[in-house]
Amino acid sequence: MERVWLESYDARVPRSISYPGECLPVLLEKNLSKYGGHTATSFLGAELTHAQLWHRVLKLAAGLHALGVGRGSKVAVMLPNCPQAIMAYYAALRLGAVVVLTNPLYVQREMIHQWNDAEAEFLVVLDHLFPKVEEVIPRTSIKRILVTTLKEELPFFLRLLYPLNARKNKLFTNVPYDDRVLSFKKLVDSHEPYALPCQVELDDLALLQYTGGTTGVAKGVMLSHRNIQANVVQITSWFPDLRRGRERFLSILPFSHVFGMTVSMNMPLYTGSEAVLLPRFEIKRFLKTLQKKKVTILPGVPTLFSAIMNHGHVRSYDMSSIRYCVTGSAPMPVEILKQFESMTGSIIIEGYGLTEASPVTHCNPLEGERKAGSIGIALPDTDCRIVDLETGEKELSPGEDGELAVRGPQVMQAYWKMEEETAATLKEGWLLTGDIVRMDEAGYVYVVDRKKDMIIAKGYNIYPREIDEVLYEHPSIVDAVALGVPDPHRGETVKAYVVVKEGEHLEEEEVIAFCRERLAAYKVPKLVEFRDSLPKTMVGKVLRKELRKEYESQREGSAQGK
């Protein structure tokens, strides 16, 4: 397909990029000559310069090397956003090891599956997560565990208060250190910086990044050093006026998720910028941090912006320092985007990506036309086309709904130990994304819905996202999602799950009537369920799968009770 989207590129964005011939760890080492004295991380008041951070990375690398970590070793990292997470990630990559980022919210079943599937032998984990980890270790391939604590990177006065706060919040843990369970801090302190040159090749495996498993069993996505380096370079090129060494990113997106890893960790470090780290989202602390640190770039997800807009005292905080917000991982409701931009004066750039593409493939222009509801246009050196839903081979014309296929240097190598899944998803270099989209004549792409989420009612194809957008327009609704549920007459029918704003009340018929005014009759929800919250992934994507399971379970229970 002709790259028609290049005509919509901002004037200073390159149409193609000459990528560095070295991996990210080497590039960060070279950056020290420019940004070594600049702040790299700010963590609850404690700051590290780029030089100080990298010094610790190399000391940890030496410690890991002494434990046997080397090329191809699998190192699981189960940490919230904190300096130690960055150290563990880059120390492992510097040695040529493979990082397995593990969601700190995982339950035991998920830990066992991921670590055994990845064949991980080393684990870096937070102290208060250790008890649940300790129970599953005998059932995994893990041989050595490094335990760290948030206290290690706090300012002096907060370190004094940490034991009290830890007990208060039930985070205090006595870790039984021995030859198998080691102190992260002691390992770092007991070694000189790793001095051997980096032997990593760009096509070496860097990450086994597991998908969220929203549509099935989580798969290990094989991302190379080339993949993750290329995506950081691509995204950075999209911001030609990014002030290297001067930007402040608010890193609230979890590093254990591919979006947070790339945009909230790798990008600020690559550009010599500051990453303001928050280990978890608490709206009051979040807003205070935004204001105090004068954050300039805010990567986020739609639920984050929704939470900000629905905070009762949001207008009392000064957020005028924000230059750009970058959002992805889930569709951004148009109403929330407009409200946020109007209130802050910042620009929200909506993009698109998936774990299999490191993750970003599309983004709206900064200076050019940003089309409401669009994920934008393909990044430099990224090809895309729309193919038919049946075979995935026939290329469709602009305006037709089909599956998005992408190709570029950020696209994964394969799925780990899953040849059939790889063959079904990667076809001659093209990654079939599973998303139903349409492209306009200018190359802007609009996500219609997930291929597996499409509702078929009486032969009509219904895309839940369209219904979601309408529900978000209701002034009393703060969160909503639609999905298809079995119906004996229609095949499937639409059910809406709705969270109402605090202090307000809605009836089912009011929601249905609101949708009836804005949707074709066959798309209007026939069922509405009000809830206090919706099940979501760690980055705010609603788990339709969980709602579907819950509905089916309730249905079975009702049938058995009759």
Protein backbone atom coordinates (compact mmCIF):
# COMPACT_ATOMS: atom_id res chain seq x y z
CA MET A 1 0.00 0.00 0.00
CA GLU A 2 1.15 3.53 -0.78
CA ARG A 3 2.04 5.44 2.39
CA VAL A 4 -0.62 8.13 1.92
CA TRP A 5 -0.31 9.09 5.60
CA LEU A 6 3.12 10.63 5.01
CA GLU A 7 1.36 13.68 3.54
CA SER A 8 -0.17 14.31 6.99
CA TYR A 9 3.17 14.21 8.85
CA ASP A 10 4.27 17.33 10.68
CA ALA A 11 6.96 19.13 8.68
CA ARG A 12 9.78 18.30 11.14
CA VAL A 13 8.93 14.62 11.61
CA PRO A 14 11.19 12.36 9.50
CA ARG A 15 9.51 10.14 6.93
CA SER A 16 12.18 7.51 7.61
CA ILE A 17 14.77 7.15 10.37
CA SER A 18 18.41 6.15 10.48
CA TYR A 19 18.41 4.04 13.66
CA PRO A 20 21.41 3.78 16.00
CA GLY A 21 23.46 0.63 15.59
CA GLU A 22 23.56 -0.03 19.33
CA CYS A 23 21.11 -1.23 21.97
CA LEU A 24 19.45 1.03 24.55
CA PRO A 25 21.86 0.24 27.43
CA VAL A 26 24.81 1.37 25.29
CA LEU A 27 22.95 4.49 24.14
CA LEU A 28 22.18 5.44 27.74
CA GLU A 29 25.85 5.03 28.68
CA LYS A 30 26.84 7.33 25.82
CA ASN A 31 24.21 9.88 26.88
CA LEU A 32 25.99 10.36 30.21
CA SER A 33 28.43 12.76 28.57
CA LYS A 34 25.48 15.07 27.81
CA TYR A 35 23.00 14.40 30.60
CA GLY A 36 24.98 12.74 33.39
CA GLY A 37 24.36 15.64 35.78
CA HIS A 38 20.66 15.98 34.91
CA THR A 39 18.00 14.46 37.15
CA ALA A 40 16.97 11.02 35.89
CA THR A 41 14.47 9.92 38.54
CA SER A 42 12.48 11.61 41.26
CA PHE A 43 10.92 9.18 43.69
CA LEU A 44 8.82 10.53 46.55
CA GLY A 45 11.34 13.31 47.13
CA ALA A 46 14.58 11.38 46.45
CA GLU A 47 16.43 12.22 43.24
CA LEU A 48 19.10 10.44 41.21
CA THR A 49 21.03 11.96 38.34
CA HIS A 50 21.54 9.95 35.17
CA ALA A 51 25.14 9.31 36.24
CA GLN A 52 24.12 8.13 39.72
CA LEU A 53 21.38 5.89 38.33
CA TRP A 54 23.71 4.29 35.77
CA HIS A 55 26.41 3.78 38.40
CA ARG A 56 23.90 1.69 40.37
CA VAL A 57 22.81 -0.16 37.23
CA LEU A 58 26.41 -1.26 36.64
CA LYS A 59 26.93 -2.24 40.29
CA LEU A 60 23.79 -4.38 40.15
CA ALA A 61 24.93 -5.85 36.83
CA ALA A 62 28.18 -6.92 38.52
CA GLY A 63 26.21 -8.51 41.36
CA LEU A 64 23.89 -10.35 38.99
CA HIS A 65 26.85 -11.53 36.93
CA ALA A 66 28.41 -12.97 40.09
CA LEU A 67 25.18 -14.92 40.66
CA GLY A 68 25.39 -16.44 37.20
CA VAL A 69 23.23 -14.08 35.15
CA GLY A 70 24.52 -13.84 31.59
CA ARG A 71 23.46 -13.93 27.94
CA GLY A 72 20.08 -15.59 27.61
CA SER A 73 19.37 -15.84 31.37
CA LYS A 74 15.74 -15.05 32.22
CA VAL A 75 15.30 -12.42 34.94
CA ALA A 76 11.77 -11.75 36.23
CA VAL A 77 11.18 -8.26 37.65
CA MET A 78 8.14 -7.89 39.90
CA LEU A 79 8.27 -4.28 41.12
CA PRO A 80 6.12 -1.15 41.11
CA ASN A 81 7.48 2.04 39.54
CA CYS A 82 10.60 2.77 41.58
CA PRO A 83 14.32 3.28 40.86
CA GLN A 84 15.07 -0.38 41.58
CA ALA A 85 12.74 -1.43 38.74
CA ILE A 86 14.82 0.64 36.30
CA MET A 87 18.08 -0.69 37.75
CA ALA A 88 16.99 -4.33 37.48
CA TYR A 89 15.68 -3.86 33.92
CA TYR A 90 18.81 -2.24 32.57
CA ALA A 91 21.30 -4.30 34.56
CA ALA A 92 19.81 -7.48 33.07
CA LEU A 93 19.73 -6.05 29.54
CA ARG A 94 23.32 -4.81 29.90
CA LEU A 95 24.41 -8.42 30.60
CA GLY A 96 22.50 -9.78 27.61
CA ALA A 97 19.88 -11.41 29.84
CA VAL A 98 16.18 -11.54 28.99
CA VAL A 99 13.82 -9.51 31.17
CA VAL A 100 10.42 -10.92 32.14
CA LEU A 101 8.33 -8.03 33.49
CA THR A 102 5.78 -9.32 36.00
CA ASN A 103 2.70 -7.42 37.12
CA PRO A 104 2.93 -6.90 40.94
CA LEU A 105 -0.83 -7.52 41.08
CA TYR A 106 -0.51 -11.05 39.74
CA VAL A 107 -2.05 -13.85 41.75
CA GLN A 108 -0.22 -17.13 42.32
CA ARG A 109 -1.67 -18.94 39.30
CA GLU A 110 -0.46 -16.16 37.00
CA MET A 111 3.03 -16.07 38.52
CA ILE A 112 3.44 -19.83 38.16
CA HIS A 113 2.33 -19.78 34.52
CA GLN A 114 4.51 -16.85 33.50
CA TRP A 115 7.75 -17.83 35.22
CA ASN A 116 7.56 -21.49 34.20
CA ASP A 117 6.63 -20.61 30.64
CA ALA A 118 9.50 -18.10 30.45
CA GLU A 119 11.90 -20.50 32.21
CA ALA A 120 12.87 -17.67 34.56
CA GLU A 121 15.61 -18.53 37.07
CA PHE A 122 16.10 -15.16 38.75
CA LEU A 123 13.52 -12.87 40.37
CA VAL A 124 13.68 -9.29 41.67
CA VAL A 125 10.72 -8.54 43.94
CA LEU A 126 9.48 -6.04 46.52
CA ASP A 127 9.59 -7.11 50.17
CA HIS A 128 5.86 -6.88 50.85
CA LEU A 129 5.15 -9.08 47.81
CA PHE A 130 7.54 -11.73 49.07
CA PRO A 131 5.04 -13.77 51.17
CA LYS A 132 2.83 -14.61 48.18
CA VAL A 133 5.92 -15.22 46.04
CA GLU A 134 7.48 -17.52 48.64
CA GLU A 135 4.48 -19.86 48.50
CA VAL A 136 4.76 -20.45 44.75
CA ILE A 137 8.56 -20.58 44.30
CA PRO A 138 8.73 -24.40 44.81
CA ARG A 139 6.36 -24.76 41.85
CA THR A 140 8.41 -22.54 39.54
CA SER A 141 11.78 -22.48 37.81
CA ILE A 142 13.04 -19.60 40.01
CA LYS A 143 16.43 -20.36 41.67
CA ARG A 144 17.51 -17.02 43.18
CA ILE A 145 15.44 -14.13 44.54
CA LEU A 146 16.57 -10.55 45.12
CA VAL A 147 14.34 -8.68 47.56
CA THR A 148 14.23 -4.89 47.73
CA THR A 149 12.18 -2.38 49.69
CA LEU A 150 10.89 1.07 48.79
CA LYS A 151 12.67 2.35 51.90
CA GLU A 152 16.03 1.91 50.19
CA GLU A 153 15.36 4.78 47.77
CA LEU A 154 13.47 7.17 50.05
CA PRO A 155 14.87 10.42 51.47
CA PHE A 156 16.40 10.13 54.97
CA PHE A 157 13.41 11.50 56.91
CA LEU A 158 11.00 9.18 55.07
CA ARG A 159 13.26 6.19 55.72
CA LEU A 160 12.86 6.88 59.43
CA LEU A 161 9.07 6.83 59.09
CA TYR A 162 8.92 3.85 56.73
CA PRO A 163 8.64 1.04 59.33
CA LEU A 164 5.68 2.82 60.97
CA ASN A 165 3.91 3.48 57.67
CA ALA A 166 4.66 -0.03 56.43
CA ARG A 167 3.03 -1.60 59.47
CA LYS A 168 0.08 0.80 59.24
CA ASN A 169 -0.51 -0.17 55.60
CA LYS A 170 0.23 -3.86 56.24
CA LEU A 171 3.32 -3.72 54.04
CA PHE A 172 5.85 -4.71 56.68
CA THR A 173 7.49 -8.07 55.98
CA ASN A 174 10.28 -10.01 57.67
CA VAL A 175 12.17 -11.57 54.80
CA PRO A 176 14.12 -14.78 55.61
CA TYR A 177 17.39 -13.98 53.84
CA ASP A 178 19.67 -16.92 53.03
CA ASP A 179 21.76 -18.23 50.14
CA ARG A 180 18.68 -18.35 47.92
CA VAL A 181 16.90 -15.17 49.07
CA LEU A 182 19.26 -12.19 48.84
CA SER A 183 19.16 -8.49 49.70
CA PHE A 184 19.04 -6.29 46.60
CA LYS A 185 20.77 -3.43 48.44
CA LYS A 186 23.57 -5.58 49.84
CA LEU A 187 24.25 -7.07 46.42
CA VAL A 188 24.51 -3.59 44.87
CA ASP A 189 26.65 -2.21 47.72
CA SER A 190 29.07 -5.14 47.68
CA HIS A 191 30.13 -4.85 44.03
CA GLU A 192 32.11 -2.43 41.91
CA PRO A 193 30.47 -1.33 38.63
CA TYR A 194 30.45 -3.96 35.89
CA ALA A 195 33.33 -2.98 33.60
CA LEU A 196 33.19 -5.45 30.70
CA PRO A 197 31.96 -4.05 27.37
CA CYS A 198 28.40 -4.75 26.31
CA GLN A 199 28.28 -7.75 23.96
CA VAL A 200 24.57 -7.46 23.09
CA GLU A 201 23.47 -7.65 19.44
CA LEU A 202 20.41 -5.73 18.28
CA ASP A 203 18.62 -8.90 17.22
CA ASP A 204 19.21 -10.62 20.58
CA LEU A 205 16.10 -11.32 22.62
CA ALA A 206 15.63 -8.58 25.24
CA LEU A 207 12.17 -9.16 26.67
CA LEU A 208 9.55 -11.81 27.12
CA GLN A 209 6.67 -9.40 27.51
CA TYR A 210 3.49 -11.24 28.38
CA THR A 211 0.23 -10.05 26.93
CA GLY A 212 -2.53 -9.18 29.35
CA GLY A 213 -4.45 -12.32 28.49
CA THR A 214 -7.69 -10.38 27.98
CA THR A 215 -8.75 -12.81 25.25
CA GLY A 216 -7.14 -16.04 26.45
CA VAL A 217 -3.98 -17.45 28.00
CA ALA A 218 -1.20 -14.86 28.32
CA LYS A 219 1.44 -15.31 25.62
CA GLY A 220 5.13 -14.43 25.84
CA VAL A 221 5.87 -11.82 23.20
CA MET A 222 9.51 -11.99 22.07
CA LEU A 223 10.84 -8.44 21.74
CA SER A 224 14.43 -7.91 20.62
CA HIS A 225 16.79 -5.09 21.52
CA ARG A 226 16.13 -3.74 18.03
CA ASN A 227 12.37 -3.75 18.64
CA ILE A 228 12.46 -1.74 21.86
CA GLN A 229 15.19 0.63 20.67
CA ALA A 230 13.41 1.32 17.38
CA ASN A 231 10.11 2.11 19.05
CA VAL A 232 11.68 4.58 21.48
CA VAL A 233 13.45 6.30 18.57
CA GLN A 234 10.24 6.35 16.50
CA ILE A 235 8.18 7.92 19.30
CA THR A 236 10.87 10.47 20.12
CA SER A 237 11.03 11.52 16.46
CA TRP A 238 7.29 12.25 16.63
CA PHE A 239 8.07 15.07 19.12
CA PRO A 240 10.54 17.26 17.19
CA ASP A 241 10.40 20.04 19.80
CA LEU A 242 10.97 17.68 22.74
CA ARG A 243 13.54 19.41 24.96
CA ARG A 244 16.16 16.74 25.64
CA GLY A 245 17.48 16.95 29.16
CA ARG A 246 14.68 19.30 30.26
CA GLU A 247 11.36 17.45 30.10
CA ARG A 248 9.66 15.97 33.15
CA PHE A 249 7.60 12.82 32.54
CA LEU A 250 5.10 11.71 35.18
CA SER A 251 5.70 7.97 35.23
CA ILE A 252 2.48 6.59 36.66
CA LEU A 253 1.88 3.96 33.96
CA PRO A 254 3.31 0.71 35.35
CA PHE A 255 6.68 -0.28 33.92
CA SER A 256 5.54 -3.90 33.95
CA HIS A 257 3.15 -3.01 31.11
CA VAL A 258 4.68 -2.49 27.67
CA PHE A 259 3.18 1.01 27.26
CA GLY A 260 4.59 2.18 30.60
CA MET A 261 7.92 0.48 29.89
CA THR A 262 8.40 2.31 26.60
CA VAL A 263 6.82 5.73 27.15
CA SER A 264 7.24 6.22 30.92
CA MET A 265 10.66 4.59 31.44
CA ASN A 266 12.69 4.11 28.26
CA MET A 267 11.71 7.36 26.56
CA PRO A 268 12.58 9.77 29.42
CA LEU A 269 15.91 8.01 30.01
CA TYR A 270 16.78 7.96 26.28
CA THR A 271 16.07 11.69 25.99
CA GLY A 272 18.03 12.64 29.12
CA SER A 273 14.79 13.72 30.79
CA GLU A 274 13.42 13.25 34.29
CA ALA A 275 11.02 10.45 35.22
CA VAL A 276 8.86 11.40 38.20
CA LEU A 277 8.00 7.98 39.61
CA LEU A 278 4.78 7.13 41.40
CA PRO A 279 4.45 3.50 42.57
CA ARG A 280 0.65 3.59 42.54
CA PHE A 281 -2.22 5.86 41.57
CA GLU A 282 -3.83 7.92 44.31
CA ILE A 283 -5.63 10.89 42.80
CA LYS A 284 -4.72 13.42 45.51
CA ARG A 285 -0.99 12.55 45.51
CA PHE A 286 -1.04 12.38 41.74
CA LEU A 287 -2.44 15.91 41.37
CA LYS A 288 -0.10 17.29 44.04
CA THR A 289 2.87 15.73 42.25
CA LEU A 290 1.77 17.15 38.90
CA GLN A 291 1.67 20.62 40.40
CA LYS A 292 4.78 20.44 42.59
CA LYS A 293 7.10 18.88 39.99
CA LYS A 294 5.74 20.99 37.12
CA VAL A 295 5.37 17.94 34.93
CA THR A 296 5.65 18.66 31.19
CA ILE A 297 4.73 15.30 29.62
CA LEU A 298 1.98 13.04 30.94
CA PRO A 299 1.64 9.55 29.46
CA GLY A 300 -1.69 8.10 30.55
CA VAL A 301 -4.71 6.02 29.71
CA PRO A 302 -8.35 7.11 29.35
CA THR A 303 -9.31 6.03 32.88
CA LEU A 304 -6.56 8.28 34.27
CA PHE A 305 -7.90 11.34 32.47
CA SER A 306 -11.44 10.40 33.46
CA ALA A 307 -10.39 10.19 37.14
CA ILE A 308 -8.77 13.62 36.90
CA MET A 309 -11.84 15.21 35.31
CA ASN A 310 -14.16 13.67 37.90
CA HIS A 311 -12.12 14.81 40.92
CA GLY A 312 -14.14 17.40 42.81
CA HIS A 313 -11.24 19.83 43.39
CA VAL A 314 -9.28 19.37 40.16
CA ARG A 315 -9.52 23.06 39.25
CA SER A 316 -7.66 24.04 42.41
CA TYR A 317 -4.47 22.41 41.04
CA ASP A 318 -2.13 24.16 38.62
CA MET A 319 -1.49 21.87 35.65
CA SER A 320 -0.38 24.58 33.24
CA SER A 321 3.14 23.08 32.97
CA ILE A 322 1.84 20.09 30.98
CA ARG A 323 2.83 20.40 27.34
CA TYR A 324 1.70 17.04 25.98
CA CYS A 325 -0.35 14.10 27.14
CA VAL A 326 0.09 10.78 25.37
CA THR A 327 -2.70 8.23 25.67
CA GLY A 328 -3.19 4.70 24.43
CA SER A 329 -3.99 1.11 25.56
CA ALA A 330 -7.74 1.74 25.26
CA PRO A 331 -10.03 4.03 23.24
CA MET A 332 -10.10 7.62 24.49
CA PRO A 333 -13.69 8.89 24.84
CA VAL A 334 -13.95 12.07 22.77
CA GLU A 335 -15.87 13.94 25.48
CA ILE A 336 -13.16 13.35 28.11
CA LEU A 337 -10.43 14.45 25.67
CA LYS A 338 -12.23 17.72 24.93
CA GLN A 339 -12.91 18.46 28.59
CA PHE A 340 -9.32 17.82 29.67
CA GLU A 341 -7.75 19.90 26.92
CA SER A 342 -10.18 22.73 27.57
CA MET A 343 -9.36 22.75 31.29
CA THR A 344 -5.56 22.39 31.10
CA GLY A 345 -4.59 23.98 27.81
CA SER A 346 -2.44 20.93 27.01
CA ILE A 347 -2.63 18.68 23.97
CA ILE A 348 -3.68 15.04 24.22
CA ILE A 349 -2.09 12.92 21.53
CA GLU A 350 -4.00 9.69 21.08
CA GLY A 351 -2.04 6.78 19.71
CA TYR A 352 -2.32 3.06 19.27
CA GLY A 353 -0.18 0.07 19.95
CA LEU A 354 -0.06 -3.49 21.17
CA THR A 355 2.41 -5.63 23.06
CA GLU A 356 3.47 -7.36 19.84
CA ALA A 357 4.71 -4.00 18.47
CA SER A 358 6.76 -2.76 21.44
CA PRO A 359 4.00 -1.21 21.52
CA VAL A 360 3.33 1.97 19.45
CA THR A 361 2.45 1.89 15.74
CA HIS A 362 0.17 4.92 15.26
CA CYS A 363 -0.19 8.41 16.65
CA ASN A 364 -2.01 11.64 15.87
CA PRO A 365 0.20 14.51 14.67
CA LEU A 366 1.22 17.19 17.15
CA GLU A 367 0.91 20.17 14.84
CA GLY A 368 -1.19 18.78 12.02
CA GLU A 369 -4.79 17.66 12.04
CA ARG A 370 -5.87 15.57 15.01
CA LYS A 371 -9.04 13.79 14.02
CA ALA A 372 -11.49 13.07 16.84
CA GLY A 373 -11.89 9.35 17.46
CA SER A 374 -8.86 8.45 15.34
CA ILE A 375 -5.70 6.70 16.56
CA GLY A 376 -3.84 8.77 13.97
CA ILE A 377 -1.37 7.74 11.33
CA ALA A 378 1.47 5.22 11.15
CA LEU A 379 4.82 6.13 12.73
CA PRO A 380 7.95 6.48 10.55
CA ASP A 381 8.98 3.21 8.87
CA THR A 382 5.68 1.60 9.86
CA ASP A 383 3.47 0.18 7.14
CA CYS A 384 -0.18 -0.60 7.68
CA ARG A 385 -3.03 -1.98 5.66
CA ILE A 386 -6.61 -3.08 6.24
CA VAL A 387 -7.38 -6.69 5.35
CA ASP A 388 -10.55 -8.75 5.17
CA LEU A 389 -11.75 -10.41 8.38
CA GLU A 390 -12.11 -13.89 6.89
CA THR A 391 -8.70 -14.63 5.35
CA GLY A 392 -6.55 -11.67 6.45
CA GLU A 393 -5.10 -11.57 2.93
CA LYS A 394 -7.31 -9.32 0.80
CA GLU A 395 -6.46 -5.62 1.15
CA LEU A 396 -9.52 -3.40 1.56
CA SER A 397 -10.19 0.10 0.28
CA PRO A 398 -10.43 3.28 2.39
CA GLY A 399 -13.69 3.43 4.33
CA GLU A 400 -14.12 -0.35 4.57
CA ASP A 401 -14.04 -2.15 7.93
CA GLY A 402 -11.34 -4.79 8.24
CA GLU A 403 -8.49 -6.04 10.40
CA LEU A 404 -5.47 -3.80 10.93
CA ALA A 405 -2.15 -5.32 9.84
CA VAL A 406 1.14 -3.55 10.58
CA ARG A 407 4.79 -4.01 9.66
CA GLY A 408 7.88 -2.25 10.96
CA PRO A 409 11.10 -2.50 13.02
CA GLN A 410 9.12 -2.53 16.28
CA VAL A 411 7.15 -5.70 15.42
CA MET A 412 7.96 -8.74 17.58
CA GLN A 413 10.10 -11.69 16.60
CA ALA A 414 7.50 -14.32 17.55
CA TYR A 415 5.43 -15.72 20.42
CA TRP A 416 7.61 -17.68 22.84
CA LYS A 417 7.26 -21.44 22.24
CA MET A 418 3.98 -20.97 20.29
CA GLU A 419 4.64 -21.74 16.63
CA GLU A 420 0.99 -22.06 15.60
CA GLU A 421 -0.01 -18.77 17.27
CA THR A 422 2.97 -17.07 15.65
CA ALA A 423 2.08 -18.39 12.21
CA ALA A 424 -1.52 -17.21 12.61
CA THR A 425 -0.47 -13.71 13.72
CA LEU A 426 2.68 -13.00 11.70
CA LYS A 427 2.26 -13.39 7.95
CA GLU A 428 5.28 -12.48 5.79
CA GLY A 429 6.32 -9.82 8.29
CA TRP A 430 2.80 -8.42 8.70
CA LEU A 431 1.35 -8.47 12.21
CA LEU A 432 -2.40 -9.12 12.33
CA THR A 433 -3.54 -7.04 15.29
CA GLY A 434 -7.01 -8.46 15.90
CA ASP A 435 -8.49 -4.95 15.82
CA ILE A 436 -11.25 -4.00 13.42
CA VAL A 437 -10.52 -0.59 11.91
CA ARG A 438 -11.23 1.63 8.95
CA MET A 439 -8.82 4.00 7.22
CA ASP A 440 -9.77 7.25 5.52
CA GLU A 441 -8.30 8.58 2.28
CA ALA A 442 -5.58 10.48 4.18
CA GLY A 443 -4.38 7.37 6.04
CA TYR A 444 -5.94 8.16 9.43
CA VAL A 445 -7.08 4.99 11.19
CA TYR A 446 -10.20 4.57 13.33
CA VAL A 447 -10.56 1.59 15.65
CA VAL A 448 -14.03 0.16 15.31
CA ASP A 449 -13.55 -2.65 17.84
CA ARG A 450 -11.73 -5.81 18.78
CA LYS A 451 -12.34 -8.60 16.30
CA LYS A 452 -13.22 -10.95 19.16
CA ASP A 453 -15.54 -8.44 20.84
CA MET A 454 -17.83 -7.84 17.85
CA ILE A 455 -21.50 -8.49 18.65
CA ILE A 456 -23.69 -10.20 16.06
CA ALA A 457 -27.40 -9.62 16.69
CA LYS A 458 -29.94 -10.85 14.11
CA GLY A 459 -27.16 -10.83 11.51
CA TYR A 460 -26.12 -7.26 12.25
CA ASN A 461 -22.51 -6.56 13.18
CA ILE A 462 -22.42 -4.30 16.25
CA TYR A 463 -19.21 -2.77 17.53
CA PRO A 464 -19.26 -2.26 21.32
CA ARG A 465 -16.94 0.77 21.17
CA GLU A 466 -19.61 2.81 19.37
CA ILE A 467 -22.02 2.11 22.23
CA ASP A 468 -19.30 2.88 24.80
CA GLU A 469 -18.81 6.32 23.25
CA VAL A 470 -22.52 7.11 23.52
CA LEU A 471 -22.67 5.98 27.15
CA TYR A 472 -19.72 8.23 28.02
CA GLU A 473 -21.65 11.20 26.64
CA HIS A 474 -24.24 10.87 29.43
CA PRO A 475 -23.45 13.52 32.07
CA SER A 476 -24.16 11.14 34.98
CA ILE A 477 -22.00 8.23 33.76
CA VAL A 478 -18.35 8.06 34.81
CA ASP A 479 -17.46 4.63 33.39
CA ALA A 480 -19.19 2.25 31.00
CA VAL A 481 -18.74 -0.68 28.67
CA ALA A 482 -21.01 -2.70 26.38
CA LEU A 483 -20.73 -6.34 25.40
CA GLY A 484 -22.74 -9.02 23.69
CA VAL A 485 -24.57 -11.62 25.75
CA PRO A 486 -26.45 -14.71 24.48
CA ASP A 487 -30.03 -14.17 23.37
CA PRO A 488 -32.34 -17.01 22.22
CA HIS A 489 -34.02 -14.86 19.55
CA ARG A 490 -31.30 -12.45 18.37
CA GLY A 491 -28.25 -14.72 18.81
CA GLU A 492 -26.69 -11.99 20.91
CA THR A 493 -28.01 -8.83 22.48
CA VAL A 494 -26.29 -5.75 23.90
CA LYS A 495 -25.78 -5.37 27.64
CA ALA A 496 -24.35 -2.17 29.14
CA TYR A 497 -22.38 -2.09 32.39
CA VAL A 498 -22.50 1.39 33.89
CA VAL A 499 -20.80 3.22 36.77
CA VAL A 500 -22.71 6.33 37.84
CA LYS A 501 -21.04 9.45 39.22
CA GLU A 502 -20.98 9.69 42.99
CA GLY A 503 -24.11 11.31 44.38
CA GLU A 504 -26.16 10.79 41.20
CA HIS A 505 -28.80 8.23 40.29
CA LEU A 506 -29.93 6.60 37.06
CA GLU A 507 -32.56 4.04 36.13
CA GLU A 508 -32.15 1.37 33.47
CA GLU A 509 -34.83 2.92 31.25
CA GLU A 510 -33.10 6.31 31.35
CA VAL A 511 -29.90 4.79 29.99
CA ILE A 512 -31.77 2.87 27.28
CA ALA A 513 -33.73 6.00 26.28
CA PHE A 514 -30.52 8.03 26.08
CA CYS A 515 -28.97 5.42 23.75
CA ARG A 516 -32.16 5.12 21.68
CA GLU A 517 -31.85 8.80 20.71
CA ARG A 518 -28.28 8.30 19.49
CA LEU A 519 -28.06 4.77 18.08
CA ALA A 520 -29.82 2.61 15.53
CA ALA A 521 -32.47 0.44 17.17
CA TYR A 522 -30.51 -2.81 16.80
CA LYS A 523 -27.51 -1.28 18.65
CA VAL A 524 -29.42 -0.02 21.68
CA PRO A 525 -28.66 -1.94 24.91
CA LYS A 526 -31.52 -4.17 26.00
CA LEU A 527 -29.98 -4.77 29.44
CA VAL A 528 -28.25 -2.37 31.83
CA GLU A 529 -26.36 -3.30 34.98
CA PHE A 530 -25.19 -0.65 37.45
CA ARG A 531 -21.92 -1.32 39.25
CA ASP A 532 -19.54 0.44 41.63
CA SER A 533 -16.59 -0.32 39.33
CA LEU A 534 -15.57 -2.32 36.27
CA PRO A 535 -12.86 -5.01 36.15
CA LYS A 536 -9.78 -3.64 34.38
CA THR A 537 -6.23 -4.46 33.44
CA MET A 538 -3.40 -2.67 35.23
CA VAL A 539 -3.48 0.12 32.63
CA GLY A 540 -7.22 0.65 32.70
CA LYS A 541 -8.48 -1.49 29.82
CA VAL A 542 -11.88 -2.94 30.72
CA LEU A 543 -11.83 -6.72 30.90
CA ARG A 544 -14.85 -7.62 28.82
CA LYS A 545 -13.74 -11.24 29.20
CA GLU A 546 -14.29 -11.07 32.98
CA LEU A 547 -17.73 -9.52 32.60
CA ARG A 548 -18.65 -12.18 30.05
CA LYS A 549 -17.49 -14.95 32.41
CA GLU A 550 -19.42 -13.41 35.26
CA TYR A 551 -22.58 -13.18 33.15
CA GLU A 552 -22.27 -16.80 32.02
CA SER A 553 -21.70 -17.95 35.60
CA GLN A 554 -24.80 -16.11 36.80
CA ARG A 555 -26.78 -17.60 33.92
CA GLU A 556 -25.68 -21.12 34.78
CA GLY A 557 -26.53 -20.53 38.43
CA SER A 558 -30.02 -19.35 37.50
CA ALA A 559 -30.56 -22.36 35.25
CA GLN A 560 -29.50 -24.79 37.97
CA GLY A 561 -31.78 -23.09 40.49
CA LYS A 562 -34.86 -23.60 38.35
